[in-house]
C-alpha atoms as a PDB file:
ATOM      1  CA  MET A   1     100.337  90.122  70.876  1.00  0.00           C
ATOM      2  CA  PRO A   2      99.197  91.871  73.971  1.00  0.00           C
ATOM      3  CA  ASP A   3      95.827  91.259  75.499  1.00  0.00           C
ATOM      4  CA  THR A   4      92.734  93.215  74.593  1.00  0.00           C
ATOM      5  CA  VAL A   5      92.024  95.905  76.839  1.00  0.00           C
ATOM      6  CA  THR A   6      89.427  98.972  77.092  1.00  0.00           C
ATOM      7  CA  ILE A   7      90.075 102.258  78.152  1.00  0.00           C
ATOM      8  CA  ALA A   8      87.696 104.714  79.229  1.00  0.00           C
ATOM      9  CA  VAL A   9      88.927 108.428  77.954  1.00  0.00           C
ATOM     10  CA  ASP A  10      87.516 111.801  78.780  1.00  0.00           C
ATOM     11  CA  ALA A  11      87.132 113.567  75.600  1.00  0.00           C
ATOM     12  CA  MET A  12      86.747 117.017  77.540  1.00  0.00           C
ATOM     13  CA  GLY A  13      89.799 116.650  79.949  1.00  0.00           C
ATOM     14  CA  GLY A  14      92.521 119.312  79.441  1.00  0.00           C
ATOM     15  CA  ASP A  15      93.048 122.997  78.487  1.00  0.00           C
ATOM     16  CA  ASP A  16      92.915 122.053  74.691  1.00  0.00           C
ATOM     17  CA  ALA A  17      90.315 119.481  74.722  1.00  0.00           C
ATOM     18  CA  PRO A  18      88.613 118.021  73.044  1.00  0.00           C
ATOM     19  CA  GLY A  19      91.319 118.778  69.930  1.00  0.00           C
ATOM     20  CA  VAL A  20      94.605 117.242  71.603  1.00  0.00           C
ATOM     21  CA  VAL A  21      92.500 114.535  73.267  1.00  0.00           C
ATOM     22  CA  LEU A  22      91.376 113.119  69.919  1.00  0.00           C
ATOM     23  CA  GLU A  23      94.578 113.347  68.431  1.00  0.00           C
ATOM     24  CA  GLY A  24      96.081 111.409  71.246  1.00  0.00           C
ATOM     25  CA  VAL A  25      93.481 108.701  71.229  1.00  0.00           C
ATOM     26  CA  GLU A  26      93.964 108.306  67.609  1.00  0.00           C
ATOM     27  CA  GLY A  27      97.708 107.932  67.976  1.00  0.00           C
ATOM     28  CA  ALA A  28      97.072 105.465  70.856  1.00  0.00           C
ATOM     29  CA  LEU A  29      94.941 103.207  68.714  1.00  0.00           C
ATOM     30  CA  CYS A  30      97.426 103.170  65.880  1.00  0.00           C
ATOM     31  CA  ALA A  31     100.311 102.327  68.455  1.00  0.00           C
ATOM     32  CA  ASP A  32      98.511  99.431  70.177  1.00  0.00           C
ATOM     33  CA  GLU A  33      96.215  97.111  68.081  1.00  0.00           C
ATOM     34  CA  ALA A  34      94.784  95.485  70.794  1.00  0.00           C
ATOM     35  CA  LEU A  35      93.453  98.555  72.464  1.00  0.00           C
ATOM     36  CA  ARG A  36      89.924  99.490  72.395  1.00  0.00           C
ATOM     37  CA  ILE A  37      88.495 102.764  73.615  1.00  0.00           C
ATOM     38  CA  VAL A  38      85.431 104.162  74.908  1.00  0.00           C
ATOM     39  CA  LEU A  39      85.545 108.106  74.380  1.00  0.00           C
ATOM     40  CA  CYS A  40      83.155 110.048  76.880  1.00  0.00           C
ATOM     41  CA  GLY A  41      81.788 113.429  76.329  1.00  0.00           C
ATOM     42  CA  PRO A  42      79.327 115.205  74.387  1.00  0.00           C
ATOM     43  CA  ALA A  43      77.550 113.421  71.582  1.00  0.00           C
ATOM     44  CA  GLU A  44      78.451 115.960  68.935  1.00  0.00           C
ATOM     45  CA  VAL A  45      82.088 115.380  70.217  1.00  0.00           C
ATOM     46  CA  VAL A  46      82.582 111.919  70.610  1.00  0.00           C
ATOM     47  CA  GLU A  47      80.058 110.182  68.015  1.00  0.00           C
ATOM     48  CA  PRO A  48      81.650 111.394  64.859  1.00  0.00           C
ATOM     49  CA  PHE A  49      85.184 110.332  66.033  1.00  0.00           C
ATOM     50  CA  ALA A  50      83.949 106.807  67.106  1.00  0.00           C
ATOM     51  CA  SER A  51      82.205 106.293  63.755  1.00  0.00           C
ATOM     52  CA  ALA A  52      85.435 106.991  62.022  1.00  0.00           C
ATOM     53  CA  HIS A  53      87.403 104.641  64.095  1.00  0.00           C
ATOM     54  CA  GLU A  54      86.752 100.904  64.296  1.00  0.00           C
ATOM     55  CA  ARG A  55      87.892 100.189  67.801  1.00  0.00           C
ATOM     56  CA  CYS A  56      86.561 103.174  69.562  1.00  0.00           C
ATOM     57  CA  GLU A  57      82.840 103.354  70.889  1.00  0.00           C
ATOM     58  CA  ALA A  58      81.117 106.756  72.074  1.00  0.00           C
ATOM     59  CA  ARG A  59      79.578 107.120  75.187  1.00  0.00           C
ATOM     60  CA  ALA A  60      77.600 110.395  75.364  1.00  0.00           C
ATOM     61  CA  ALA A  61      77.665 112.524  78.703  1.00  0.00           C
ATOM     62  CA  SER A  62      75.778 115.610  78.955  1.00  0.00           C
ATOM     63  CA  GLU A  63      77.918 117.252  81.520  1.00  0.00           C
ATOM     64  CA  VAL A  64      81.696 118.390  81.946  1.00  0.00           C
ATOM     65  CA  ILE A  65      83.404 119.204  85.387  1.00  0.00           C
ATOM     66  CA  GLY A  66      85.286 122.331  84.938  1.00  0.00           C
ATOM     67  CA  MET A  67      88.793 123.047  86.494  1.00  0.00           C
ATOM     68  CA  ALA A  68      87.481 125.626  89.087  1.00  0.00           C
ATOM     69  CA  GLU A  69      84.705 123.467  90.460  1.00  0.00           C
ATOM     70  CA  HIS A  70      84.782 121.949  94.030  1.00  0.00           C
ATOM     71  CA  PRO A  71      85.768 118.199  93.146  1.00  0.00           C
ATOM     72  CA  ALA A  72      83.691 116.332  95.413  1.00  0.00           C
ATOM     73  CA  GLY A  73      80.727 118.304  94.993  1.00  0.00           C
ATOM     74  CA  ALA A  74      80.975 118.360  91.323  1.00  0.00           C
ATOM     75  CA  VAL A  75      81.101 114.528  91.308  1.00  0.00           C
ATOM     76  CA  ARG A  76      78.056 114.156  93.314  1.00  0.00           C
ATOM     77  CA  ALA A  77      76.102 116.829  91.418  1.00  0.00           C
ATOM     78  CA  LYS A  78      77.158 116.331  87.631  1.00  0.00           C
ATOM     79  CA  LYS A  79      76.560 112.361  87.589  1.00  0.00           C
ATOM     80  CA  ASP A  80      76.388 112.316  83.937  1.00  0.00           C
ATOM     81  CA  SER A  81      79.943 114.239  83.550  1.00  0.00           C
ATOM     82  CA  SER A  82      82.472 112.749  81.365  1.00  0.00           C
ATOM     83  CA  ILE A  83      84.802 111.966  84.468  1.00  0.00           C
ATOM     84  CA  VAL A  84      82.023 110.308  86.374  1.00  0.00           C
ATOM     85  CA  VAL A  85      80.642 108.305  83.332  1.00  0.00           C
ATOM     86  CA  GLY A  86      84.252 107.181  82.586  1.00  0.00           C
ATOM     87  CA  CYS A  87      84.685 105.812  86.150  1.00  0.00           C
ATOM     88  CA  ARG A  88      81.438 104.539  86.373  1.00  0.00           C
ATOM     89  CA  LEU A  89      82.209 102.087  83.270  1.00  0.00           C
ATOM     90  CA  VAL A  90      85.243 100.944  85.211  1.00  0.00           C
ATOM     91  CA  LYS A  91      83.090 100.046  88.215  1.00  0.00           C
ATOM     92  CA  GLU A  92      80.870  98.311  85.892  1.00  0.00           C
ATOM     93  CA  GLY A  93      83.429  96.409  84.202  1.00  0.00           C
ATOM     94  CA  ALA A  94      82.488  97.917  80.881  1.00  0.00           C
ATOM     95  CA  ALA A  95      86.191  99.484  80.898  1.00  0.00           C
ATOM     96  CA  ASP A  96      89.358  98.251  82.305  1.00  0.00           C
ATOM     97  CA  GLY A  97      90.602 102.010  83.090  1.00  0.00           C
ATOM     98  CA  PHE A  98      90.070 105.546  82.776  1.00  0.00           C
ATOM     99  CA  PHE A  99      92.392 108.355  81.636  1.00  0.00           C
ATOM    100  CA  SER A 100      91.689 112.256  81.952  1.00  0.00           C
ATOM    101  CA  ALA A 101      93.417 115.297  81.631  1.00  0.00           C
ATOM    102  CA  GLY A 102      90.810 117.086  83.390  1.00  0.00           C
ATOM    103  CA  SER A 103      90.367 118.344  86.968  1.00  0.00           C
ATOM    104  CA  THR A 104      92.913 116.323  89.361  1.00  0.00           C
ATOM    105  CA  GLY A 105      90.509 116.956  92.177  1.00  0.00           C
ATOM    106  CA  ALA A 106      87.657 115.559  90.529  1.00  0.00           C
ATOM    107  CA  CYS A 107      89.377 112.303  89.176  1.00  0.00           C
ATOM    108  CA  LEU A 108      90.649 111.576  92.611  1.00  0.00           C
ATOM    109  CA  ALA A 109      87.021 112.086  94.039  1.00  0.00           C
ATOM    110  CA  ALA A 110      85.365 109.984  91.227  1.00  0.00           C
ATOM    111  CA  GLY A 111      88.155 107.394  91.386  1.00  0.00           C
ATOM    112  CA  THR A 112      87.468 106.981  95.312  1.00  0.00           C
ATOM    113  CA  LEU A 113      83.659 107.803  95.327  1.00  0.00           C
ATOM    114  CA  VAL A 114      82.734 105.921  92.089  1.00  0.00           C
ATOM    115  CA  MET A 115      85.470 103.059  91.230  1.00  0.00           C
ATOM    116  CA  GLY A 116      86.023 102.558  95.150  1.00  0.00           C
ATOM    117  CA  ARG A 117      88.904 102.006  97.333  1.00  0.00           C
ATOM    118  CA  VAL A 118      90.757  98.470  97.106  1.00  0.00           C
ATOM    119  CA  ARG A 119      89.948  96.840 100.462  1.00  0.00           C
ATOM    120  CA  GLY A 120      92.366  97.619 103.001  1.00  0.00           C
ATOM    121  CA  ILE A 121      93.895 100.590 101.398  1.00  0.00           C
ATOM    122  CA  ALA A 122      93.510 103.744 103.817  1.00  0.00           C
ATOM    123  CA  ARG A 123      94.264 106.448 101.307  1.00  0.00           C
ATOM    124  CA  PRO A 124      94.545 106.042  97.439  1.00  0.00           C
ATOM    125  CA  ALA A 125      97.520 107.768  96.647  1.00  0.00           C
ATOM    126  CA  LEU A 126      98.865 109.634  93.229  1.00  0.00           C
ATOM    127  CA  ALA A 127     102.210 108.630  91.929  1.00  0.00           C
ATOM    128  CA  THR A 128     104.331 109.902  89.055  1.00  0.00           C
ATOM    129  CA  VAL A 129     107.359 108.992  87.265  1.00  0.00           C
ATOM    130  CA  ILE A 130     110.008 111.657  87.910  1.00  0.00           C
ATOM    131  CA  PRO A 131     111.745 112.809  84.805  1.00  0.00           C
ATOM    132  CA  SER A 132     115.170 111.939  85.840  1.00  0.00           C
ATOM    133  CA  PRO A 133     118.102 111.734  82.993  1.00  0.00           C
ATOM    134  CA  VAL A 134     119.475 108.789  84.799  1.00  0.00           C
ATOM    135  CA  ARG A 135     116.481 106.307  85.075  1.00  0.00           C
ATOM    136  CA  PRO A 136     113.051 106.373  85.723  1.00  0.00           C
ATOM    137  CA  VAL A 137     112.227 107.186  89.600  1.00  0.00           C
ATOM    138  CA  VAL A 138     108.435 106.875  90.916  1.00  0.00           C
ATOM    139  CA  MET A 139     107.388 109.188  93.600  1.00  0.00           C
ATOM    140  CA  SER A 140     104.235 109.108  95.859  1.00  0.00           C
ATOM    141  CA  ASP A 141     102.157 110.282  97.151  1.00  0.00           C
ATOM    142  CA  ILE A 142     102.164 113.922  94.907  1.00  0.00           C
ATOM    143  CA  GLY A 143      99.064 115.417  96.119  1.00  0.00           C
ATOM    144  CA  ALA A 144      96.206 113.297  97.053  1.00  0.00           C
ATOM    145  CA  ASN A 145      96.857 113.364 100.845  1.00  0.00           C
ATOM    146  CA  ALA A 146      98.172 116.605 102.088  1.00  0.00           C
ATOM    147  CA  ASP A 147      97.578 115.301 105.534  1.00  0.00           C
ATOM    148  CA  CYS A 148      99.116 112.113 106.192  1.00  0.00           C
ATOM    149  CA  LYS A 149      99.628 109.274 109.426  1.00  0.00           C
ATOM    150  CA  PRO A 150     102.712 107.456 109.183  1.00  0.00           C
ATOM    151  CA  GLU A 151     101.228 104.364 108.358  1.00  0.00           C
ATOM    152  CA  TYR A 152      99.531 105.611 105.165  1.00  0.00           C
ATOM    153  CA  LEU A 153     103.208 106.133 103.838  1.00  0.00           C
ATOM    154  CA  VAL A 154     103.828 102.291 104.226  1.00  0.00           C
ATOM    155  CA  GLN A 155     100.915 101.506 101.618  1.00  0.00           C
ATOM    156  CA  PHE A 156     102.254 104.352  99.395  1.00  0.00           C
ATOM    157  CA  GLY A 157     105.409 102.465  99.334  1.00  0.00           C
ATOM    158  CA  GLN A 158     103.812  99.315  98.705  1.00  0.00           C
ATOM    159  CA  MET A 159     101.518 100.732  95.748  1.00  0.00           C
ATOM    160  CA  ALA A 160     104.466 102.687  94.392  1.00  0.00           C
ATOM    161  CA  SER A 161     106.799  99.769  94.122  1.00  0.00           C
ATOM    162  CA  ILE A 162     104.349  97.612  92.695  1.00  0.00           C
ATOM    163  CA  TYR A 163     103.676 100.467  89.950  1.00  0.00           C
ATOM    164  CA  ALA A 164     107.390 100.842  89.639  1.00  0.00           C
ATOM    165  CA  GLU A 165     107.958  97.158  88.813  1.00  0.00           C
ATOM    166  CA  LYS A 166     104.737  96.336  86.691  1.00  0.00           C
ATOM    167  CA  VAL A 167     104.480  99.424  84.559  1.00  0.00           C
ATOM    168  CA  VAL A 168     107.429 101.189  84.502  1.00  0.00           C
ATOM    169  CA  GLY A 169     109.569  97.863  84.338  1.00  0.00           C
ATOM    170  CA  ILE A 170     112.131  98.374  87.362  1.00  0.00           C
ATOM    171  CA  ASP A 171     113.632  95.047  88.509  1.00  0.00           C
ATOM    172  CA  ARG A 172     113.415  94.725  92.219  1.00  0.00           C
ATOM    173  CA  PRO A 173     112.607  98.440  93.004  1.00  0.00           C
ATOM    174  CA  ARG A 174     114.298  99.986  96.108  1.00  0.00           C
ATOM    175  CA  ALA A 175     112.024 102.214  98.057  1.00  0.00           C
ATOM    176  CA  ALA A 176     113.092 105.216 100.188  1.00  0.00           C
ATOM    177  CA  LEU A 177     111.387 107.720 102.500  1.00  0.00           C
ATOM    178  CA  LEU A 178     112.136 111.422 101.654  1.00  0.00           C
ATOM    179  CA  ASN A 179     113.744 113.059 104.401  1.00  0.00           C
ATOM    180  CA  ILE A 180     115.957 115.917 105.622  1.00  0.00           C
ATOM    181  CA  GLY A 181     118.897 113.418 105.894  1.00  0.00           C
ATOM    182  CA  GLU A 182     120.018 109.855 105.490  1.00  0.00           C
ATOM    183  CA  GLU A 183     120.397 108.972 108.916  1.00  0.00           C
ATOM    184  CA  ASP A 184     117.487 106.792 110.855  1.00  0.00           C
ATOM    185  CA  ALA A 185     116.848 109.342 113.337  1.00  0.00           C
ATOM    186  CA  LYS A 186     116.663 112.161 111.227  1.00  0.00           C
ATOM    187  CA  GLY A 187     113.255 114.377 110.566  1.00  0.00           C
ATOM    188  CA  SER A 188     110.229 115.308 112.305  1.00  0.00           C
ATOM    189  CA  GLN A 189     108.390 112.825 114.588  1.00  0.00           C
ATOM    190  CA  PHE A 190     106.296 111.897 111.665  1.00  0.00           C
ATOM    191  CA  ALA A 191     109.073 111.125 109.648  1.00  0.00           C
ATOM    192  CA  GLN A 192     110.815 109.025 112.251  1.00  0.00           C
ATOM    193  CA  GLU A 193     107.679 107.034 113.137  1.00  0.00           C
ATOM    194  CA  ALA A 194     106.973 106.537 109.039  1.00  0.00           C
ATOM    195  CA  HIS A 195     110.628 105.329 108.800  1.00  0.00           C
ATOM    196  CA  ARG A 196     110.167 102.900 111.564  1.00  0.00           C
ATOM    197  CA  LEU A 197     107.100 101.437 110.442  1.00  0.00           C
ATOM    198  CA  MET A 198     108.413 101.138 106.889  1.00  0.00           C
ATOM    199  CA  ARG A 199     111.685  99.496 108.288  1.00  0.00           C
ATOM    200  CA  GLU A 200     109.360  96.986 109.680  1.00  0.00           C
ATOM    201  CA  ARG A 201     106.521  96.391 107.112  1.00  0.00           C
ATOM    202  CA  LEU A 202     108.293  97.252 103.810  1.00  0.00           C
ATOM    203  CA  GLY A 203     110.578  94.526 102.360  1.00  0.00           C
ATOM    204  CA  ASN A 204     112.242  96.718 100.141  1.00  0.00           C
ATOM    205  CA  PHE A 205     112.705  99.653 102.151  1.00  0.00           C
ATOM    206  CA  ALA A 206     116.216 101.074 101.715  1.00  0.00           C
ATOM    207  CA  GLY A 207     116.231 103.891 104.273  1.00  0.00           C
ATOM    208  CA  ASN A 208     116.000 107.548 104.047  1.00  0.00           C
ATOM    209  CA  ALA A 209     116.318 109.727 100.664  1.00  0.00           C
ATOM    210  CA  GLU A 210     117.540 113.602 100.653  1.00  0.00           C
ATOM    211  CA  GLY A 211     116.243 115.884  97.950  1.00  0.00           C
ATOM    212  CA  GLY A 212     119.438 115.437  96.023  1.00  0.00           C
ATOM    213  CA  ASP A 213     118.963 111.808  95.670  1.00  0.00           C
ATOM    214  CA  ILE A 214     115.989 112.164  93.616  1.00  0.00           C
ATOM    215  CA  LEU A 215     117.054 113.169  90.349  1.00  0.00           C
ATOM    216  CA  SER A 216     120.234 111.189  90.786  1.00  0.00           C
ATOM    217  CA  ALA A 217     118.102 107.855  90.695  1.00  0.00           C
ATOM    218  CA  THR A 218     119.888 106.572  93.967  1.00  0.00           C
ATOM    219  CA  PHE A 219     116.431 104.966  94.834  1.00  0.00           C
ATOM    220  CA  ASP A 220     113.834 103.605  92.458  1.00  0.00           C
ATOM    221  CA  VAL A 221     110.707 104.816  94.804  1.00  0.00           C
ATOM    222  CA  ILE A 222     110.635 107.937  96.631  1.00  0.00           C
ATOM    223  CA  VAL A 223     107.760 107.835  99.446  1.00  0.00           C
ATOM    224  CA  THR A 224     106.434 111.002 101.007  1.00  0.00           C
ATOM    225  CA  ASP A 225     103.087 112.551 101.837  1.00  0.00           C
ATOM    226  CA  GLY A 226     101.070 114.387  99.453  1.00  0.00           C
ATOM    227  CA  PHE A 227     101.846 118.046 100.301  1.00  0.00           C
ATOM    228  CA  THR A 228     105.828 117.492 100.395  1.00  0.00           C
ATOM    229  CA  GLY A 229     105.562 115.622  96.972  1.00  0.00           C
ATOM    230  CA  ASN A 230     103.577 117.847  95.387  1.00  0.00           C
ATOM    231  CA  VAL A 231     105.518 120.821  96.270  1.00  0.00           C
ATOM    232  CA  CYS A 232     108.654 118.717  95.460  1.00  0.00           C
ATOM    233  CA  LEU A 233     107.420 117.652  92.038  1.00  0.00           C
ATOM    234  CA  LYS A 234     106.387 121.034  90.946  1.00  0.00           C
ATOM    235  CA  THR A 235     109.904 122.522  92.221  1.00  0.00           C
ATOM    236  CA  ILE A 236     111.410 119.909  89.909  1.00  0.00           C
ATOM    237  CA  GLU A 237     109.522 120.761  86.901  1.00  0.00           C
ATOM    238  CA  GLY A 238     109.711 124.358  87.206  1.00  0.00           C
ATOM    239  CA  THR A 239     113.483 124.292  87.627  1.00  0.00           C
ATOM    240  CA  SER A 240     113.794 121.917  84.402  1.00  0.00           C
ATOM    241  CA  LYS A 241     111.718 124.530  82.503  1.00  0.00           C
ATOM    242  CA  THR A 242     113.698 127.491  83.766  1.00  0.00           C
ATOM    243  CA  LEU A 243     117.116 125.865  82.909  1.00  0.00           C
ATOM    244  CA  PHE A 244     116.275 124.752  79.296  1.00  0.00           C
ATOM    245  CA  LYS A 245     114.688 128.197  78.750  1.00  0.00           C
ATOM    246  CA  ALA A 246     118.101 129.707  79.964  1.00  0.00           C
ATOM    247  CA  LEU A 247     120.132 127.365  78.149  1.00  0.00           C
ATOM    248  CA  LYS A 248     118.109 128.293  75.026  1.00  0.00           C
ATOM    249  CA  GLY A 249     118.798 131.961  75.236  1.00  0.00           C
ATOM    250  CA  ILE A 250     122.733 131.081  75.860  1.00  0.00           C
ATOM    251  CA  MET A 251     122.885 128.972  73.088  1.00  0.00           C
ATOM    252  CA  LEU A 252     120.986 131.446  70.501  1.00  0.00           C
ATOM    253  CA  GLY A 253     122.987 134.363  71.863  1.00  0.00           C
ATOM    254  CA  SER A 254     125.645 134.724  69.422  1.00  0.00           C
ATOM    255  CA  PRO A 255     126.653 133.239  65.962  1.00  0.00           C
ATOM    256  CA  VAL A 256     129.210 131.005  67.539  1.00  0.00           C
ATOM    257  CA  ALA A 257     127.041 129.909  70.115  1.00  0.00           C
ATOM    258  CA  LYS A 258     124.394 128.845  67.344  1.00  0.00           C
ATOM    259  CA  LEU A 259     126.939 126.899  65.706  1.00  0.00           C
ATOM    260  CA  GLY A 260     127.652 124.852  68.945  1.00  0.00           C
ATOM    261  CA  ALA A 261     123.756 124.375  69.477  1.00  0.00           C
ATOM    262  CA  LEU A 262     123.858 122.623  66.069  1.00  0.00           C
ATOM    263  CA  ALA A 263     126.455 120.336  67.220  1.00  0.00           C
ATOM    264  CA  LEU A 264     124.707 119.740  70.409  1.00  0.00           C
ATOM    265  CA  LYS A 265     121.111 119.463  69.032  1.00  0.00           C
ATOM    266  CA  GLY A 266     120.592 115.703  68.865  1.00  0.00           C
ATOM    267  CA  GLY A 267     121.848 115.136  72.359  1.00  0.00           C
ATOM    268  CA  LEU A 268     119.743 118.176  73.789  1.00  0.00           C
ATOM    269  CA  LYS A 269     116.726 116.789  72.198  1.00  0.00           C
ATOM    270  CA  GLU A 270     117.323 113.161  73.900  1.00  0.00           C
ATOM    271  CA  LEU A 271     117.896 114.900  77.094  1.00  0.00           C
ATOM    272  CA  MET A 272     114.404 116.726  76.933  1.00  0.00           C
ATOM    273  CA  THR A 273     112.717 113.689  75.963  1.00  0.00           C
ATOM    274  CA  GLN A 274     114.099 111.899  78.931  1.00  0.00           C
ATOM    275  CA  VAL A 275     113.187 114.479  81.274  1.00  0.00           C
ATOM    276  CA  SER A 276     109.720 115.091  79.734  1.00  0.00           C
ATOM    277  CA  PRO A 277     106.779 114.463  81.881  1.00  0.00           C
ATOM    278  CA  ASP A 278     104.910 113.608  78.384  1.00  0.00           C
ATOM    279  CA  THR A 279     106.769 110.037  78.355  1.00  0.00           C
ATOM    280  CA  TYR A 280     104.157 108.365  80.408  1.00  0.00           C
ATOM    281  CA  GLY A 281     101.249 110.954  80.095  1.00  0.00           C
ATOM    282  CA  GLY A 282     100.327 111.136  83.768  1.00  0.00           C
ATOM    283  CA  ALA A 283      99.847 110.274  87.329  1.00  0.00           C
ATOM    284  CA  PRO A 284      98.060 107.121  88.136  1.00  0.00           C
ATOM    285  CA  LEU A 285      95.985 107.068  91.400  1.00  0.00           C
ATOM    286  CA  LEU A 286      96.993 103.816  93.026  1.00  0.00           C
ATOM    287  CA  GLY A 287      94.486 102.090  95.776  1.00  0.00           C
ATOM    288  CA  VAL A 288      91.436 102.487  93.430  1.00  0.00           C
ATOM    289  CA  LYS A 289      89.324  99.363  91.805  1.00  0.00           C
ATOM    290  CA  GLY A 290      90.767  99.794  88.600  1.00  0.00           C
ATOM    291  CA  ALA A 291      93.464 101.648  86.365  1.00  0.00           C
ATOM    292  CA  LEU A 292      92.849 105.349  86.603  1.00  0.00           C
ATOM    293  CA  LEU A 293      95.592 107.866  85.227  1.00  0.00           C
ATOM    294  CA  VAL A 294      95.268 111.593  85.527  1.00  0.00           C
ATOM    295  CA  GLY A 295      96.939 113.788  82.892  1.00  0.00           C
ATOM    296  CA  HIS A 296      98.278 117.347  83.161  1.00  0.00           C
ATOM    297  CA  GLY A 297      95.846 120.116  82.195  1.00  0.00           C
ATOM    298  CA  SER A 298      98.062 121.336  79.617  1.00  0.00           C
ATOM    299  CA  SER A 299      98.780 117.927  78.061  1.00  0.00           C
ATOM    300  CA  ASN A 300      99.498 117.852  74.356  1.00  0.00           C
ATOM    301  CA  ALA A 301      98.656 115.151  71.913  1.00  0.00           C
ATOM    302  CA  LEU A 302     101.736 112.962  72.660  1.00  0.00           C
ATOM    303  CA  ALA A 303     100.943 113.297  76.521  1.00  0.00           C
ATOM    304  CA  ILE A 304      97.426 112.146  75.887  1.00  0.00           C
ATOM    305  CA  LYS A 305      98.746 109.440  73.681  1.00  0.00           C
ATOM    306  CA  ASN A 306     101.109 108.345  76.195  1.00  0.00           C
ATOM    307  CA  GLY A 307      98.864 108.628  79.146  1.00  0.00           C
ATOM    308  CA  VAL A 308      96.290 106.233  77.394  1.00  0.00           C
ATOM    309  CA  LEU A 309      98.752 103.542  76.743  1.00  0.00           C
ATOM    310  CA  THR A 310     100.401 103.637  80.273  1.00  0.00           C
ATOM    311  CA  THR A 311      96.488 103.262  81.471  1.00  0.00           C
ATOM    312  CA  ALA A 312      96.540 100.031  79.247  1.00  0.00           C
ATOM    313  CA  ARG A 313      99.750  98.787  80.618  1.00  0.00           C
ATOM    314  CA  THR A 314      98.461  99.607  84.089  1.00  0.00           C
ATOM    315  CA  ALA A 315      95.155  97.388  83.472  1.00  0.00           C
ATOM    316  CA  ARG A 316      96.869  94.465  81.751  1.00  0.00           C
ATOM    317  CA  ALA A 317      99.566  94.341  84.716  1.00  0.00           C
ATOM    318  CA  ASP A 318      96.605  93.991  86.793  1.00  0.00           C
ATOM    319  CA  VAL A 319      98.329  96.922  89.081  1.00  0.00           C
ATOM    320  CA  ALA A 320      94.930  96.828  91.311  1.00  0.00           C
ATOM    321  CA  GLY A 321      94.590  93.345  91.791  1.00  0.00           C
ATOM    322  CA  ILE A 322      98.182  93.031  92.944  1.00  0.00           C
ATOM    323  CA  ILE A 323      97.787  95.800  95.439  1.00  0.00           C
ATOM    324  CA  ALA A 324      94.660  94.114  96.617  1.00  0.00           C
ATOM    325  CA  ARG A 325      96.576  90.833  97.419  1.00  0.00           C
ATOM    326  CA  THR A 326      99.643  92.489  98.608  1.00  0.00           C
ATOM    327  CA  VAL A 327      97.326  94.625 101.389  1.00  0.00           C
ATOM    328  CA  ALA A 328      95.543  91.210 102.078  1.00  0.00           C
ATOM    329  CA  GLU A 329      98.831  89.764 102.994  1.00  0.00           C
ATOM    330  CA  ALA A 330     100.525  92.823 105.028  1.00  0.00           C
ATOM    331  CA  PRO A 331     101.097  93.025 108.767  1.00  0.00           C
ATOM    332  CA  SER A 332      98.021  94.870 110.277  1.00  0.00           C
ATOM    333  CA  SER A 333      98.647  98.710 111.552  1.00  0.00           C
ATOM    334  CA  ASP A 334      97.207  97.479 115.120  1.00  0.00           C
ATOM    335  CA  GLY A 335      99.823  94.922 115.677  1.00  0.00           C
ATOM    336  CA  PRO A 336     102.068  91.974 114.062  1.00  0.00           C
ATOM    337  CA  GLY A 337     100.963  90.145 111.147  1.00  0.00           C
ATOM    338  CA  LYS A 338     102.410  88.198 108.578  1.00  0.00           C
ATOM    339  CA  ALA A 339     105.814  88.567 107.182  1.00  0.00           C
ATOM    340  CA  PRO A 340     107.030  91.910 105.766  1.00  0.00           C
ATOM    341  CA  ILE A 341     106.150  93.028 102.141  1.00  0.00           C
ATOM    342  CA  GLY A 342     108.400  93.193  99.199  1.00  0.00           C
ATOM    343  CA  GLY A 343     106.165  95.846  97.940  1.00  0.00           C
ATOM    344  CA  ALA A 344     106.394  94.445  94.228  1.00  0.00           C
ATOM    345  CA  ALA A 345     104.623  90.872  94.646  1.00  0.00           C
END
């Protein structure tokens, strides 16, 4: 029986909220008997649901942060929004983690400003599990930090490696720097300096990764800056959707093709499940004091369910605590320190 864990959930996060959020939360409660939920949102939404579900508590929030609002400004101005209230619950110890499929920028701002950074972390980073048909691959950063210093990438690699091991279940993950070639001296000055620092300070560093190494799962953890990571992730997701759409058109194009589609239906369904971003339900913000997972705005009920469950796994694994201990043992960016880190202590 897993430890009881309490996750705050933004009832108003996502394009189809609150309907799909409530459905997803109900699914998560059914799947995890040791899960407790604090549902944050308008009283008329959260209170009826909480009264009908034994392990759910309502926390009324009178404001909602919209997708188009300035993230940091909205977080500062709307202190009673569902996102800010959820993050505050984690800060105060009333919840072990927070999940939202609302504004990514607002979640990043609230995570940093309200929950707070782990001491020693220069920049919290977003990570994601790449939908590879081979095996899971964790990539970070995917958008939290468009402008980076080379030393930030060392911490991104440390944090992503911890998440890969403790939450995704990858034993002794191998981390690589996303670059334009596998040779050590490849890439821009930024990439070369990041490579040097990662080689010195990241014990599980395995070298450079090229774009073709991502879906083939040549490495377990891919490290990059937020700008490159975001473009890379959206390219993979867009290509996947386009290919599946084209394949569907071909398989429904003639009676003979339809017969073939029936024969392949089971295998195609399994493949789609393997490459679906709904499997984990969101991207963790690593480097803040607590578990925080951000779902896609278009999340369906399955994605919400899995996002809540992944947040619970992240909290139970004490990923934030392991990151804090790892950073405390890390070599200083100003000079030599202790031994290089394995990244998944």
